[in-house]
Amino acid sequence: MVYAISISTSDIHLLTKHMKSLEHILENWLFSSRWLLAPFYGGLVLTIFVLLIKFAQELFVFVPTILEADLKIVMLKILLLIDITLLANLLLIIIFAGYETFISKIDHTHDDDRLSWMGTVDFSGLKIKLFGSIVAISGIELLKAFLLFDKYTNNQLMWLVIIHLTFVISGLLFTYMDKVTAQTKKMESESNNINQNNHRPDPK
């Protein structure tokens, strides 16, 4: 036996309305889930505070011995302080750029205090800055290793150079891919504009 089920137009509209409501609720829930990332960035702020403590510790230990210390030791200590500073800068870039990219724009009322790169660094720019900071930190570590070359074997120094070159090449490749992607998008946009202009009716 076959039963015929009739659905009126009003029932279809009602069902569509309920589906749209459910879709809206789900999308709002998914969009609000971005705030789950906020504690991660808060944790990174705490790591900057930890780096500040280590920086102050190294500085206070280093300053009293600066007159008696060997030049090589002074250079190593300065490189260590630079290393910590670059790492703190890297964390700051990740915090601000990541927060504005994935969570929300930072509404800072004092425009004079707003950093010039805030709001302009997208995900691609964040990757480039990330690799730039990593290459700088790796370069400083390599320089420290060469200053203490007598404590390293040739094989260890070779691997340090290889790792540093790997970071450099990876950064260059990411920059090149982003440049190609940007050029492709620009060409597609220009092509679309040309097509739109060609389809416009000629004024009589």
C-alpha atoms as a PDB file:
ATOM      1  CA  MET A   1       0.000   0.000   0.000  1.00  0.00           C
ATOM      2  CA  VAL A   2       1.373   3.379  -0.980  1.00  0.00           C
ATOM      3  CA  TYR A   3       0.585   6.479   1.067  1.00  0.00           C
ATOM      4  CA  ALA A   4       0.745   9.848  -0.570  1.00  0.00           C
ATOM      5  CA  ILE A   5       2.304  12.576   1.516  1.00  0.00           C
ATOM      6  CA  SER A   6       1.364  16.056   0.556  1.00  0.00           C
ATOM      7  CA  ILE A   7       3.471  18.998   1.696  1.00  0.00           C
ATOM      8  CA  SER A   8       2.072  22.432   1.244  1.00  0.00           C
ATOM      9  CA  THR A   9       4.084  25.451   0.217  1.00  0.00           C
ATOM     10  CA  SER A  10       3.638  26.988   3.676  1.00  0.00           C
ATOM     11  CA  ASP A  11       5.154  23.860   5.271  1.00  0.00           C
ATOM     12  CA  ILE A  12       8.171  24.123   2.971  1.00  0.00           C
ATOM     13  CA  HIS A  13       8.624  27.782   3.861  1.00  0.00           C
ATOM     14  CA  LEU A  14       8.318  26.967   7.569  1.00  0.00           C
ATOM     15  CA  LEU A  15      10.870  24.159   7.287  1.00  0.00           C
ATOM     16  CA  THR A  16      13.236  26.431   5.374  1.00  0.00           C
ATOM     17  CA  LYS A  17      12.838  29.114   8.038  1.00  0.00           C
ATOM     18  CA  HIS A  18      13.695  26.631  10.814  1.00  0.00           C
ATOM     19  CA  MET A  19      16.741  25.393   8.891  1.00  0.00           C
ATOM     20  CA  LYS A  20      17.922  28.970   8.416  1.00  0.00           C
ATOM     21  CA  SER A  21      17.506  29.598  12.150  1.00  0.00           C
ATOM     22  CA  LEU A  22      19.523  26.499  12.998  1.00  0.00           C
ATOM     23  CA  GLU A  23      22.164  27.510  10.474  1.00  0.00           C
ATOM     24  CA  HIS A  24      22.375  30.998  11.997  1.00  0.00           C
ATOM     25  CA  ILE A  25      22.745  29.569  15.519  1.00  0.00           C
ATOM     26  CA  LEU A  26      25.446  27.133  14.384  1.00  0.00           C
ATOM     27  CA  GLU A  27      27.381  29.840  12.534  1.00  0.00           C
ATOM     28  CA  ASN A  28      27.224  32.176  15.545  1.00  0.00           C
ATOM     29  CA  TRP A  29      28.451  29.357  17.781  1.00  0.00           C
ATOM     30  CA  LEU A  30      31.327  28.554  15.432  1.00  0.00           C
ATOM     31  CA  PHE A  31      32.222  32.223  15.056  1.00  0.00           C
ATOM     32  CA  SER A  32      32.218  32.722  18.831  1.00  0.00           C
ATOM     33  CA  SER A  33      34.555  29.753  19.253  1.00  0.00           C
ATOM     34  CA  ARG A  34      37.424  31.991  18.125  1.00  0.00           C
ATOM     35  CA  TRP A  35      37.523  33.376  21.671  1.00  0.00           C
ATOM     36  CA  LEU A  36      38.863  30.018  22.801  1.00  0.00           C
ATOM     37  CA  LEU A  37      42.180  31.225  21.378  1.00  0.00           C
ATOM     38  CA  ALA A  38      42.312  34.190  23.775  1.00  0.00           C
ATOM     39  CA  PRO A  39      43.781  32.163  26.711  1.00  0.00           C
ATOM     40  CA  PHE A  40      46.584  30.991  24.413  1.00  0.00           C
ATOM     41  CA  TYR A  41      47.612  34.577  23.709  1.00  0.00           C
ATOM     42  CA  GLY A  42      47.244  35.390  27.403  1.00  0.00           C
ATOM     43  CA  GLY A  43      49.661  32.549  28.137  1.00  0.00           C
ATOM     44  CA  LEU A  44      52.119  33.978  25.602  1.00  0.00           C
ATOM     45  CA  VAL A  45      51.975  37.314  27.457  1.00  0.00           C
ATOM     46  CA  LEU A  46      53.050  35.460  30.603  1.00  0.00           C
ATOM     47  CA  THR A  47      55.978  33.937  28.711  1.00  0.00           C
ATOM     48  CA  ILE A  48      57.144  37.471  27.824  1.00  0.00           C
ATOM     49  CA  PHE A  49      57.099  38.230  31.556  1.00  0.00           C
ATOM     50  CA  VAL A  50      59.224  35.091  32.130  1.00  0.00           C
ATOM     51  CA  LEU A  51      61.685  36.297  29.474  1.00  0.00           C
ATOM     52  CA  LEU A  52      61.808  39.689  31.211  1.00  0.00           C
ATOM     53  CA  ILE A  53      62.798  37.985  34.470  1.00  0.00           C
ATOM     54  CA  LYS A  54      65.534  35.967  32.722  1.00  0.00           C
ATOM     55  CA  PHE A  55      66.741  39.109  30.912  1.00  0.00           C
ATOM     56  CA  ALA A  56      67.000  41.019  34.203  1.00  0.00           C
ATOM     57  CA  GLN A  57      68.746  38.059  35.842  1.00  0.00           C
ATOM     58  CA  GLU A  58      71.355  37.777  33.073  1.00  0.00           C
ATOM     59  CA  LEU A  59      71.868  41.563  33.026  1.00  0.00           C
ATOM     60  CA  PHE A  60      72.336  41.896  36.793  1.00  0.00           C
ATOM     61  CA  VAL A  61      74.821  39.010  36.803  1.00  0.00           C
ATOM     62  CA  PHE A  62      76.682  40.379  33.798  1.00  0.00           C
ATOM     63  CA  VAL A  63      77.043  44.086  34.682  1.00  0.00           C
ATOM     64  CA  PRO A  64      79.170  43.719  37.880  1.00  0.00           C
ATOM     65  CA  THR A  65      81.732  41.554  36.031  1.00  0.00           C
ATOM     66  CA  ILE A  66      81.951  43.616  32.849  1.00  0.00           C
ATOM     67  CA  LEU A  67      85.307  45.262  33.699  1.00  0.00           C
ATOM     68  CA  GLU A  68      87.079  41.990  34.485  1.00  0.00           C
ATOM     69  CA  ALA A  69      85.399  39.865  31.808  1.00  0.00           C
ATOM     70  CA  ASP A  70      87.104  38.819  28.594  1.00  0.00           C
ATOM     71  CA  LEU A  71      85.902  40.467  25.380  1.00  0.00           C
ATOM     72  CA  LYS A  72      84.643  37.147  24.044  1.00  0.00           C
ATOM     73  CA  ILE A  73      82.575  36.610  27.205  1.00  0.00           C
ATOM     74  CA  VAL A  74      81.166  40.136  26.893  1.00  0.00           C
ATOM     75  CA  MET A  75      80.158  39.458  23.295  1.00  0.00           C
ATOM     76  CA  LEU A  76      78.507  36.170  24.283  1.00  0.00           C
ATOM     77  CA  LYS A  77      76.538  37.825  27.077  1.00  0.00           C
ATOM     78  CA  ILE A  78      75.405  40.637  24.760  1.00  0.00           C
ATOM     79  CA  LEU A  79      74.366  38.093  22.131  1.00  0.00           C
ATOM     80  CA  LEU A  80      72.409  36.228  24.806  1.00  0.00           C
ATOM     81  CA  LEU A  81      70.555  39.431  25.756  1.00  0.00           C
ATOM     82  CA  ILE A  82      69.843  40.141  22.082  1.00  0.00           C
ATOM     83  CA  ASP A  83      68.613  36.571  21.705  1.00  0.00           C
ATOM     84  CA  ILE A  84      66.141  36.994  24.567  1.00  0.00           C
ATOM     85  CA  THR A  85      64.992  40.356  23.162  1.00  0.00           C
ATOM     86  CA  LEU A  86      64.377  38.921  19.688  1.00  0.00           C
ATOM     87  CA  LEU A  87      62.406  36.060  21.193  1.00  0.00           C
ATOM     88  CA  ALA A  88      60.260  38.547  23.150  1.00  0.00           C
ATOM     89  CA  ASN A  89      59.713  40.572  19.941  1.00  0.00           C
ATOM     90  CA  LEU A  90      58.690  37.394  18.135  1.00  0.00           C
ATOM     91  CA  LEU A  91      56.151  36.569  20.844  1.00  0.00           C
ATOM     92  CA  LEU A  92      54.775  40.120  20.723  1.00  0.00           C
ATOM     93  CA  ILE A  93      54.291  39.923  16.951  1.00  0.00           C
ATOM     94  CA  ILE A  94      52.516  36.570  17.284  1.00  0.00           C
ATOM     95  CA  ILE A  95      50.269  37.882  20.073  1.00  0.00           C
ATOM     96  CA  PHE A  96      49.145  41.098  18.353  1.00  0.00           C
ATOM     97  CA  ALA A  97      49.001  39.832  14.775  1.00  0.00           C
ATOM     98  CA  GLY A  98      47.420  36.521  15.777  1.00  0.00           C
ATOM     99  CA  TYR A  99      44.811  38.208  17.985  1.00  0.00           C
ATOM    100  CA  GLU A 100      43.826  40.687  15.274  1.00  0.00           C
ATOM    101  CA  THR A 101      43.840  37.985  12.578  1.00  0.00           C
ATOM    102  CA  PHE A 102      41.902  35.235  14.343  1.00  0.00           C
ATOM    103  CA  ILE A 103      39.945  36.862  17.213  1.00  0.00           C
ATOM    104  CA  SER A 104      39.143  40.558  16.995  1.00  0.00           C
ATOM    105  CA  LYS A 105      40.541  43.910  15.964  1.00  0.00           C
ATOM    106  CA  ILE A 106      42.213  45.802  18.787  1.00  0.00           C
ATOM    107  CA  ASP A 107      40.339  49.076  19.276  1.00  0.00           C
ATOM    108  CA  HIS A 108      43.016  51.423  20.581  1.00  0.00           C
ATOM    109  CA  THR A 109      41.771  54.969  21.099  1.00  0.00           C
ATOM    110  CA  HIS A 110      45.249  56.528  21.290  1.00  0.00           C
ATOM    111  CA  ASP A 111      46.321  56.467  17.660  1.00  0.00           C
ATOM    112  CA  ASP A 112      49.760  57.907  18.474  1.00  0.00           C
ATOM    113  CA  ASP A 113      50.584  54.824  20.577  1.00  0.00           C
ATOM    114  CA  ARG A 114      49.325  52.326  18.012  1.00  0.00           C
ATOM    115  CA  LEU A 115      52.111  50.322  16.384  1.00  0.00           C
ATOM    116  CA  SER A 116      52.529  51.001  12.663  1.00  0.00           C
ATOM    117  CA  TRP A 117      52.265  47.322  11.660  1.00  0.00           C
ATOM    118  CA  MET A 118      49.154  46.589  13.731  1.00  0.00           C
ATOM    119  CA  GLY A 119      46.176  45.835  11.512  1.00  0.00           C
ATOM    120  CA  THR A 120      48.387  45.499   8.431  1.00  0.00           C
ATOM    121  CA  VAL A 121      49.977  42.108   9.147  1.00  0.00           C
ATOM    122  CA  ASP A 122      47.827  39.324   7.712  1.00  0.00           C
ATOM    123  CA  PHE A 123      48.487  35.589   8.034  1.00  0.00           C
ATOM    124  CA  SER A 124      51.043  35.656   5.197  1.00  0.00           C
ATOM    125  CA  GLY A 125      52.818  38.637   6.716  1.00  0.00           C
ATOM    126  CA  LEU A 126      52.790  36.891  10.091  1.00  0.00           C
ATOM    127  CA  LYS A 127      54.538  33.859   8.577  1.00  0.00           C
ATOM    128  CA  ILE A 128      57.195  36.068   6.969  1.00  0.00           C
ATOM    129  CA  LYS A 129      57.844  37.960  10.217  1.00  0.00           C
ATOM    130  CA  LEU A 130      57.924  34.639  12.072  1.00  0.00           C
ATOM    131  CA  PHE A 131      60.558  33.210   9.735  1.00  0.00           C
ATOM    132  CA  GLY A 132      62.522  36.459   9.833  1.00  0.00           C
ATOM    133  CA  SER A 133      62.707  36.339  13.623  1.00  0.00           C
ATOM    134  CA  ILE A 134      63.621  32.633  13.590  1.00  0.00           C
ATOM    135  CA  VAL A 135      66.418  33.280  11.078  1.00  0.00           C
ATOM    136  CA  ALA A 136      67.736  36.140  13.243  1.00  0.00           C
ATOM    137  CA  ILE A 137      67.678  33.973  16.386  1.00  0.00           C
ATOM    138  CA  SER A 138      69.317  31.104  14.520  1.00  0.00           C
ATOM    139  CA  GLY A 139      72.011  33.458  13.204  1.00  0.00           C
ATOM    140  CA  ILE A 140      72.805  34.662  16.722  1.00  0.00           C
ATOM    141  CA  GLU A 141      73.021  31.068  17.972  1.00  0.00           C
ATOM    142  CA  LEU A 142      75.379  30.271  15.096  1.00  0.00           C
ATOM    143  CA  LEU A 143      77.532  33.305  15.908  1.00  0.00           C
ATOM    144  CA  LYS A 144      77.739  32.238  19.547  1.00  0.00           C
ATOM    145  CA  ALA A 145      78.791  28.763  18.441  1.00  0.00           C
ATOM    146  CA  PHE A 146      81.589  30.194  16.276  1.00  0.00           C
ATOM    147  CA  LEU A 147      82.805  32.328  19.176  1.00  0.00           C
ATOM    148  CA  LEU A 148      83.043  29.118  21.199  1.00  0.00           C
ATOM    149  CA  PHE A 149      84.211  26.972  18.287  1.00  0.00           C
ATOM    150  CA  ASP A 150      86.734  25.135  20.494  1.00  0.00           C
ATOM    151  CA  LYS A 151      83.803  23.634  22.433  1.00  0.00           C
ATOM    152  CA  TYR A 152      82.132  22.296  19.276  1.00  0.00           C
ATOM    153  CA  THR A 153      83.196  19.611  16.876  1.00  0.00           C
ATOM    154  CA  ASN A 154      83.312  20.244  13.151  1.00  0.00           C
ATOM    155  CA  ASN A 155      80.283  18.001  12.720  1.00  0.00           C
ATOM    156  CA  GLN A 156      78.260  20.030  15.244  1.00  0.00           C
ATOM    157  CA  LEU A 157      79.219  23.305  13.580  1.00  0.00           C
ATOM    158  CA  MET A 158      78.294  21.856  10.199  1.00  0.00           C
ATOM    159  CA  TRP A 159      74.823  20.896  11.428  1.00  0.00           C
ATOM    160  CA  LEU A 160      74.318  24.350  12.967  1.00  0.00           C
ATOM    161  CA  VAL A 161      75.126  25.911   9.585  1.00  0.00           C
ATOM    162  CA  ILE A 162      72.799  23.470   7.798  1.00  0.00           C
ATOM    163  CA  ILE A 163      69.932  24.221  10.207  1.00  0.00           C
ATOM    164  CA  HIS A 164      70.467  27.965   9.787  1.00  0.00           C
ATOM    165  CA  LEU A 165      70.512  27.674   5.992  1.00  0.00           C
ATOM    166  CA  THR A 166      67.350  25.559   6.175  1.00  0.00           C
ATOM    167  CA  PHE A 167      65.578  28.375   8.029  1.00  0.00           C
ATOM    168  CA  VAL A 168      66.878  30.937   5.512  1.00  0.00           C
ATOM    169  CA  ILE A 169      65.796  28.901   2.469  1.00  0.00           C
ATOM    170  CA  SER A 170      62.394  28.120   4.028  1.00  0.00           C
ATOM    171  CA  GLY A 171      61.810  31.816   4.687  1.00  0.00           C
ATOM    172  CA  LEU A 172      62.777  32.717   1.120  1.00  0.00           C
ATOM    173  CA  LEU A 173      60.470  30.028  -0.281  1.00  0.00           C
ATOM    174  CA  PHE A 174      57.539  31.258   1.832  1.00  0.00           C
ATOM    175  CA  THR A 175      58.199  34.823   0.702  1.00  0.00           C
ATOM    176  CA  TYR A 176      58.363  33.733  -2.927  1.00  0.00           C
ATOM    177  CA  MET A 177      55.121  31.713  -2.663  1.00  0.00           C
ATOM    178  CA  ASP A 178      53.308  34.649  -1.064  1.00  0.00           C
ATOM    179  CA  LYS A 179      54.600  36.940  -3.825  1.00  0.00           C
ATOM    180  CA  VAL A 180      53.414  34.528  -6.535  1.00  0.00           C
ATOM    181  CA  THR A 181      50.022  34.217  -4.829  1.00  0.00           C
ATOM    182  CA  ALA A 182      49.664  37.995  -4.609  1.00  0.00           C
ATOM    183  CA  GLN A 183      50.590  38.403  -8.286  1.00  0.00           C
ATOM    184  CA  THR A 184      48.113  35.681  -9.287  1.00  0.00           C
ATOM    185  CA  LYS A 185      45.303  37.375  -7.352  1.00  0.00           C
ATOM    186  CA  LYS A 186      46.215  40.713  -8.943  1.00  0.00           C
ATOM    187  CA  MET A 187      46.144  39.205 -12.438  1.00  0.00           C
ATOM    188  CA  GLU A 188      42.777  37.517 -11.756  1.00  0.00           C
ATOM    189  CA  SER A 189      41.358  40.785 -10.464  1.00  0.00           C
ATOM    190  CA  GLU A 190      42.590  42.687 -13.535  1.00  0.00           C
ATOM    191  CA  SER A 191      41.204  39.959 -15.804  1.00  0.00           C
ATOM    192  CA  ASN A 192      37.797  40.151 -14.116  1.00  0.00           C
ATOM    193  CA  ASN A 193      37.768  43.937 -14.481  1.00  0.00           C
ATOM    194  CA  ILE A 194      38.591  43.626 -18.196  1.00  0.00           C
ATOM    195  CA  ASN A 195      35.822  41.067 -18.698  1.00  0.00           C
ATOM    196  CA  GLN A 196      33.325  43.295 -16.905  1.00  0.00           C
ATOM    197  CA  ASN A 197      34.318  46.254 -19.058  1.00  0.00           C
ATOM    198  CA  ASN A 198      33.974  44.160 -22.246  1.00  0.00           C
ATOM    199  CA  HIS A 199      30.454  43.049 -21.295  1.00  0.00           C
ATOM    200  CA  ARG A 200      29.249  46.583 -20.675  1.00  0.00           C
ATOM    201  CA  PRO A 201      26.943  47.900 -23.412  1.00  0.00           C
ATOM    202  CA  ASP A 202      28.384  50.648 -25.561  1.00  0.00           C
ATOM    203  CA  PRO A 203      26.743  54.021 -24.936  1.00  0.00           C
ATOM    204  CA  LYS A 204      24.757  55.228 -27.899  1.00  0.00           C
END
